[in-house]
């Protein structure tokens, strides 16, 4: 049963879409324009693409650790009970809420802890036709991986988040891989006697 099959999520998505569309568009446009300038400056500041990628990921991580509170407050979602549910919430609610797009989700393994978010269009690279000359290893949207990883960590879910495919590098889609590293532990509380 997918997350979109639940009435609570459907109700939330329709209500959110009615009230948030103009704000999302303005915020997304500002982010896109600012982000392009940021990446251009980082390419000037660092010689190696790996250093730019690490910086963007680290910056995204910091954003994700703070953004999760805003997300939880605005979305009013209940606790997720599986990695699949978490991944669908990221795709169908968080990406839509903050970037105005909804990636598709695929599961990559039988243990159901590896997923991919597949984007036909990546908002952060909307005005970018190609990577800067000599920067073929640059992962232009590394910020997104850091944001997802930071947000997941704040809700006690350790994950490895990486780009598997990138349209700016000639792939047909942009694919973000999420591998959950350990099963969240259920805390058991005992009454003192």
C-alpha atoms as a PDB file:
ATOM      1  CA  UNK A   1       0.000   0.000   0.000  1.00  0.00           C
ATOM      2  CA  UNK A   2       1.596   3.274  -1.097  1.00  0.00           C
ATOM      3  CA  UNK A   3       1.500   6.444   0.916  1.00  0.00           C
ATOM      4  CA  UNK A   4      -0.693   8.135  -1.689  1.00  0.00           C
ATOM      5  CA  UNK A   5      -3.341   5.458  -1.014  1.00  0.00           C
ATOM      6  CA  UNK A   6      -3.977   6.797   2.475  1.00  0.00           C
ATOM      7  CA  UNK A   7      -6.808   9.318   2.883  1.00  0.00           C
ATOM      8  CA  UNK A   8      -4.857  11.436   5.398  1.00  0.00           C
ATOM      9  CA  UNK A   9      -2.028  12.110   2.950  1.00  0.00           C
ATOM     10  CA  UNK A  10      -4.392  12.759   0.034  1.00  0.00           C
ATOM     11  CA  UNK A  11      -6.363  15.257   2.133  1.00  0.00           C
ATOM     12  CA  UNK A  12      -3.153  16.935   3.257  1.00  0.00           C
ATOM     13  CA  UNK A  13      -1.757  17.162  -0.272  1.00  0.00           C
ATOM     14  CA  UNK A  14      -4.917  18.719  -1.725  1.00  0.00           C
ATOM     15  CA  UNK A  15      -5.207  21.253   1.123  1.00  0.00           C
ATOM     16  CA  UNK A  16      -1.529  22.102   0.852  1.00  0.00           C
ATOM     17  CA  UNK A  17      -1.693  22.545  -2.917  1.00  0.00           C
ATOM     18  CA  UNK A  18      -4.641  24.968  -2.649  1.00  0.00           C
ATOM     19  CA  UNK A  19      -2.982  27.260  -0.111  1.00  0.00           C
ATOM     20  CA  UNK A  20       0.779  27.060  -0.809  1.00  0.00           C
ATOM     21  CA  UNK A  21       1.284  27.163  -4.600  1.00  0.00           C
ATOM     22  CA  UNK A  22       2.087  30.920  -4.976  1.00  0.00           C
ATOM     23  CA  UNK A  23       4.492  30.895  -2.008  1.00  0.00           C
ATOM     24  CA  UNK A  24       6.279  27.757  -3.248  1.00  0.00           C
ATOM     25  CA  UNK A  25       6.784  29.312  -6.695  1.00  0.00           C
ATOM     26  CA  UNK A  26       8.313  32.506  -5.277  1.00  0.00           C
ATOM     27  CA  UNK A  27      10.574  30.649  -2.840  1.00  0.00           C
ATOM     28  CA  UNK A  28      11.651  28.171  -5.523  1.00  0.00           C
ATOM     29  CA  UNK A  29      12.579  30.945  -7.988  1.00  0.00           C
ATOM     30  CA  UNK A  30      14.609  32.795  -5.359  1.00  0.00           C
ATOM     31  CA  UNK A  31      16.391  29.581  -4.374  1.00  0.00           C
ATOM     32  CA  UNK A  32      17.220  28.700  -7.989  1.00  0.00           C
ATOM     33  CA  UNK A  33      18.724  32.104  -8.767  1.00  0.00           C
ATOM     34  CA  UNK A  34      20.674  32.285  -5.522  1.00  0.00           C
ATOM     35  CA  UNK A  35      21.883  28.690  -5.791  1.00  0.00           C
ATOM     36  CA  UNK A  36      23.391  29.205  -9.248  1.00  0.00           C
ATOM     37  CA  UNK A  37      25.424  32.152  -7.962  1.00  0.00           C
ATOM     38  CA  UNK A  38      26.532  30.119  -4.936  1.00  0.00           C
ATOM     39  CA  UNK A  39      27.790  27.203  -7.047  1.00  0.00           C
ATOM     40  CA  UNK A  40      29.582  29.594  -9.429  1.00  0.00           C
ATOM     41  CA  UNK A  41      31.356  31.241  -6.476  1.00  0.00           C
ATOM     42  CA  UNK A  42      32.333  27.886  -4.978  1.00  0.00           C
ATOM     43  CA  UNK A  43      33.816  26.825  -8.324  1.00  0.00           C
ATOM     44  CA  UNK A  44      35.981  29.956  -8.190  1.00  0.00           C
ATOM     45  CA  UNK A  45      36.973  29.347  -4.561  1.00  0.00           C
ATOM     46  CA  UNK A  46      37.870  25.645  -4.835  1.00  0.00           C
ATOM     47  CA  UNK A  47      40.091  23.999  -7.420  1.00  0.00           C
ATOM     48  CA  UNK A  48      38.759  20.462  -6.955  1.00  0.00           C
ATOM     49  CA  UNK A  49      35.177  19.448  -7.735  1.00  0.00           C
ATOM     50  CA  UNK A  50      35.239  17.077  -4.758  1.00  0.00           C
ATOM     51  CA  UNK A  51      35.740  20.055  -2.443  1.00  0.00           C
ATOM     52  CA  UNK A  52      32.773  21.887  -4.010  1.00  0.00           C
ATOM     53  CA  UNK A  53      30.647  18.731  -3.721  1.00  0.00           C
ATOM     54  CA  UNK A  54      31.606  18.289  -0.047  1.00  0.00           C
ATOM     55  CA  UNK A  55      30.871  21.937   0.724  1.00  0.00           C
ATOM     56  CA  UNK A  56      27.448  21.801  -0.949  1.00  0.00           C
ATOM     57  CA  UNK A  57      26.618  18.544   0.859  1.00  0.00           C
ATOM     58  CA  UNK A  58      27.733  20.000   4.196  1.00  0.00           C
ATOM     59  CA  UNK A  59      25.691  23.144   3.586  1.00  0.00           C
ATOM     60  CA  UNK A  60      22.664  21.024   2.634  1.00  0.00           C
ATOM     61  CA  UNK A  61      23.097  18.928   5.766  1.00  0.00           C
ATOM     62  CA  UNK A  62      22.922  22.066   7.905  1.00  0.00           C
ATOM     63  CA  UNK A  63      19.800  23.203   6.064  1.00  0.00           C
ATOM     64  CA  UNK A  64      18.181  19.775   6.437  1.00  0.00           C
ATOM     65  CA  UNK A  65      18.748  19.666  10.201  1.00  0.00           C
ATOM     66  CA  UNK A  66      16.846  22.954  10.542  1.00  0.00           C
ATOM     67  CA  UNK A  67      14.287  22.467   7.780  1.00  0.00           C
ATOM     68  CA  UNK A  68      12.871  19.268   9.272  1.00  0.00           C
ATOM     69  CA  UNK A  69      11.206  21.223  12.106  1.00  0.00           C
ATOM     70  CA  UNK A  70       9.449  23.503   9.611  1.00  0.00           C
ATOM     71  CA  UNK A  71       8.441  20.494   7.537  1.00  0.00           C
ATOM     72  CA  UNK A  72       6.982  18.584  10.483  1.00  0.00           C
ATOM     73  CA  UNK A  73       5.104  21.650  11.717  1.00  0.00           C
ATOM     74  CA  UNK A  74       3.588  22.444   8.307  1.00  0.00           C
ATOM     75  CA  UNK A  75       2.819  18.925   7.174  1.00  0.00           C
ATOM     76  CA  UNK A  76       1.214  17.601  10.393  1.00  0.00           C
ATOM     77  CA  UNK A  77       2.064  14.060   9.297  1.00  0.00           C
ATOM     78  CA  UNK A  78       1.985  11.118  11.654  1.00  0.00           C
ATOM     79  CA  UNK A  79       4.854   8.796  12.398  1.00  0.00           C
ATOM     80  CA  UNK A  80       6.037   6.643   9.490  1.00  0.00           C
ATOM     81  CA  UNK A  81       6.265   2.883   9.984  1.00  0.00           C
ATOM     82  CA  UNK A  82       8.545   1.868   7.113  1.00  0.00           C
ATOM     83  CA  UNK A  83      11.395   3.163   5.005  1.00  0.00           C
ATOM     84  CA  UNK A  84       9.077   3.041   2.022  1.00  0.00           C
ATOM     85  CA  UNK A  85       6.629   5.355   3.760  1.00  0.00           C
ATOM     86  CA  UNK A  86       9.436   7.764   4.716  1.00  0.00           C
ATOM     87  CA  UNK A  87      10.724   7.875   1.140  1.00  0.00           C
ATOM     88  CA  UNK A  88       7.252   8.518  -0.281  1.00  0.00           C
ATOM     89  CA  UNK A  89       6.750  11.365   2.208  1.00  0.00           C
ATOM     90  CA  UNK A  90      10.055  12.904   1.084  1.00  0.00           C
ATOM     91  CA  UNK A  91       9.002  12.668  -2.563  1.00  0.00           C
ATOM     92  CA  UNK A  92       5.301  13.453  -2.409  1.00  0.00           C
ATOM     93  CA  UNK A  93       5.216  16.020   0.395  1.00  0.00           C
ATOM     94  CA  UNK A  94       8.665  17.526   1.060  1.00  0.00           C
ATOM     95  CA  UNK A  95       9.834  17.939  -2.549  1.00  0.00           C
ATOM     96  CA  UNK A  96       6.423  19.284  -3.539  1.00  0.00           C
ATOM     97  CA  UNK A  97       6.313  21.641  -0.555  1.00  0.00           C
ATOM     98  CA  UNK A  98       9.770  23.164  -0.999  1.00  0.00           C
ATOM     99  CA  UNK A  99      10.658  22.703  -4.680  1.00  0.00           C
ATOM    100  CA  UNK A 100       7.305  22.307  -6.410  1.00  0.00           C
ATOM    101  CA  UNK A 101       8.172  18.930  -7.993  1.00  0.00           C
ATOM    102  CA  UNK A 102       7.287  15.326  -7.158  1.00  0.00           C
ATOM    103  CA  UNK A 103       9.937  12.712  -7.944  1.00  0.00           C
ATOM    104  CA  UNK A 104       8.933   9.123  -8.556  1.00  0.00           C
ATOM    105  CA  UNK A 105      10.113   6.538  -6.033  1.00  0.00           C
ATOM    106  CA  UNK A 106      11.532   3.101  -6.746  1.00  0.00           C
ATOM    107  CA  UNK A 107      12.751   0.468  -4.312  1.00  0.00           C
ATOM    108  CA  UNK A 108      16.149  -0.979  -5.170  1.00  0.00           C
ATOM    109  CA  UNK A 109      16.417  -4.134  -3.043  1.00  0.00           C
ATOM    110  CA  UNK A 110      14.446  -6.913  -1.361  1.00  0.00           C
ATOM    111  CA  UNK A 111      15.327  -5.785   2.177  1.00  0.00           C
ATOM    112  CA  UNK A 112      13.477  -2.530   1.342  1.00  0.00           C
ATOM    113  CA  UNK A 113      16.109  -0.149   2.681  1.00  0.00           C
ATOM    114  CA  UNK A 114      17.406   1.238  -0.661  1.00  0.00           C
ATOM    115  CA  UNK A 115      15.301   3.655  -2.673  1.00  0.00           C
ATOM    116  CA  UNK A 116      15.700   6.057  -5.565  1.00  0.00           C
ATOM    117  CA  UNK A 117      14.044   9.406  -6.116  1.00  0.00           C
ATOM    118  CA  UNK A 118      13.839   9.963  -9.867  1.00  0.00           C
ATOM    119  CA  UNK A 119      13.436  13.492 -11.193  1.00  0.00           C
ATOM    120  CA  UNK A 120      12.746  14.306 -14.825  1.00  0.00           C
ATOM    121  CA  UNK A 121      13.405  17.957 -14.017  1.00  0.00           C
ATOM    122  CA  UNK A 122      15.635  19.185 -11.200  1.00  0.00           C
ATOM    123  CA  UNK A 123      14.576  22.643 -10.001  1.00  0.00           C
ATOM    124  CA  UNK A 124      18.047  23.675  -8.800  1.00  0.00           C
ATOM    125  CA  UNK A 125      19.504  23.148 -12.270  1.00  0.00           C
ATOM    126  CA  UNK A 126      16.552  24.610 -14.176  1.00  0.00           C
ATOM    127  CA  UNK A 127      18.640  27.373 -15.801  1.00  0.00           C
ATOM    128  CA  UNK A 128      21.838  25.323 -16.204  1.00  0.00           C
ATOM    129  CA  UNK A 129      22.531  23.792 -19.606  1.00  0.00           C
ATOM    130  CA  UNK A 130      25.858  22.164 -18.795  1.00  0.00           C
ATOM    131  CA  UNK A 131      28.465  21.930 -16.081  1.00  0.00           C
ATOM    132  CA  UNK A 132      31.267  24.515 -16.056  1.00  0.00           C
ATOM    133  CA  UNK A 133      34.228  23.676 -18.309  1.00  0.00           C
ATOM    134  CA  UNK A 134      36.667  21.315 -16.634  1.00  0.00           C
ATOM    135  CA  UNK A 135      34.197  20.446 -13.861  1.00  0.00           C
ATOM    136  CA  UNK A 136      32.871  17.070 -15.048  1.00  0.00           C
ATOM    137  CA  UNK A 137      32.997  15.614 -11.507  1.00  0.00           C
ATOM    138  CA  UNK A 138      30.912  18.443 -10.087  1.00  0.00           C
ATOM    139  CA  UNK A 139      27.663  17.253  -8.557  1.00  0.00           C
ATOM    140  CA  UNK A 140      25.745  20.495  -9.063  1.00  0.00           C
ATOM    141  CA  UNK A 141      22.785  19.568  -6.837  1.00  0.00           C
ATOM    142  CA  UNK A 142      24.772  18.022  -3.943  1.00  0.00           C
ATOM    143  CA  UNK A 143      22.853  20.361  -1.668  1.00  0.00           C
ATOM    144  CA  UNK A 144      19.767  18.127  -2.049  1.00  0.00           C
ATOM    145  CA  UNK A 145      21.618  15.039  -0.797  1.00  0.00           C
ATOM    146  CA  UNK A 146      22.816  16.925   2.259  1.00  0.00           C
ATOM    147  CA  UNK A 147      19.338  18.282   2.992  1.00  0.00           C
ATOM    148  CA  UNK A 148      17.762  14.822   2.845  1.00  0.00           C
ATOM    149  CA  UNK A 149      20.522  13.248   4.960  1.00  0.00           C
ATOM    150  CA  UNK A 150      20.371  16.031   7.578  1.00  0.00           C
ATOM    151  CA  UNK A 151      16.581  15.924   7.846  1.00  0.00           C
ATOM    152  CA  UNK A 152      16.553  12.133   8.166  1.00  0.00           C
ATOM    153  CA  UNK A 153      19.210  12.243  10.857  1.00  0.00           C
ATOM    154  CA  UNK A 154      17.111  14.679  12.895  1.00  0.00           C
ATOM    155  CA  UNK A 155      14.294  12.115  12.986  1.00  0.00           C
ATOM    156  CA  UNK A 156      16.814   9.419  13.991  1.00  0.00           C
ATOM    157  CA  UNK A 157      17.182   7.741  10.592  1.00  0.00           C
ATOM    158  CA  UNK A 158      20.756   7.281   9.430  1.00  0.00           C
ATOM    159  CA  UNK A 159      21.020   7.217   5.641  1.00  0.00           C
ATOM    160  CA  UNK A 160      23.543   7.411   2.853  1.00  0.00           C
ATOM    161  CA  UNK A 161      22.229   9.824   0.198  1.00  0.00           C
ATOM    162  CA  UNK A 162      24.032  10.153  -3.155  1.00  0.00           C
ATOM    163  CA  UNK A 163      23.448  11.043  -6.771  1.00  0.00           C
ATOM    164  CA  UNK A 164      23.248   7.960  -8.964  1.00  0.00           C
ATOM    165  CA  UNK A 165      22.416   9.760 -12.235  1.00  0.00           C
ATOM    166  CA  UNK A 166      22.533  13.411 -13.238  1.00  0.00           C
ATOM    167  CA  UNK A 167      20.959  15.049 -16.296  1.00  0.00           C
ATOM    168  CA  UNK A 168      23.759  17.630 -16.290  1.00  0.00           C
ATOM    169  CA  UNK A 169      26.188  14.770 -16.917  1.00  0.00           C
ATOM    170  CA  UNK A 170      24.212  13.398 -19.856  1.00  0.00           C
ATOM    171  CA  UNK A 171      21.923  10.931 -18.077  1.00  0.00           C
ATOM    172  CA  UNK A 172      18.256  10.778 -19.091  1.00  0.00           C
ATOM    173  CA  UNK A 173      17.044  11.546 -15.541  1.00  0.00           C
ATOM    174  CA  UNK A 174      18.405  12.760 -12.232  1.00  0.00           C
ATOM    175  CA  UNK A 175      18.371   9.987  -9.632  1.00  0.00           C
ATOM    176  CA  UNK A 176      19.049  10.393  -5.930  1.00  0.00           C
ATOM    177  CA  UNK A 177      19.785   7.166  -4.047  1.00  0.00           C
ATOM    178  CA  UNK A 178      18.763   6.802  -0.402  1.00  0.00           C
ATOM    179  CA  UNK A 179      20.102   3.837   1.567  1.00  0.00           C
ATOM    180  CA  UNK A 180      18.834   3.566   5.138  1.00  0.00           C
ATOM    181  CA  UNK A 181      21.709   2.297   7.252  1.00  0.00           C
ATOM    182  CA  UNK A 182      20.011   0.786  10.284  1.00  0.00           C
ATOM    183  CA  UNK A 183      16.558  -0.058  11.519  1.00  0.00           C
ATOM    184  CA  UNK A 184      15.270   2.530  13.992  1.00  0.00           C
ATOM    185  CA  UNK A 185      15.157   1.122  17.485  1.00  0.00           C
ATOM    186  CA  UNK A 186      11.875   1.125  19.349  1.00  0.00           C
ATOM    187  CA  UNK A 187      12.331   2.482  22.841  1.00  0.00           C
ATOM    188  CA  UNK A 188      10.636   0.511  25.542  1.00  0.00           C
ATOM    189  CA  UNK A 189       9.740   2.358  28.662  1.00  0.00           C
ATOM    190  CA  UNK A 190       9.402   0.687  32.025  1.00  0.00           C
ATOM    191  CA  UNK A 191       7.601   2.036  34.988  1.00  0.00           C
ATOM    192  CA  UNK A 192       9.743   2.248  38.078  1.00  0.00           C
ATOM    193  CA  UNK A 193       8.380   0.154  40.910  1.00  0.00           C
END
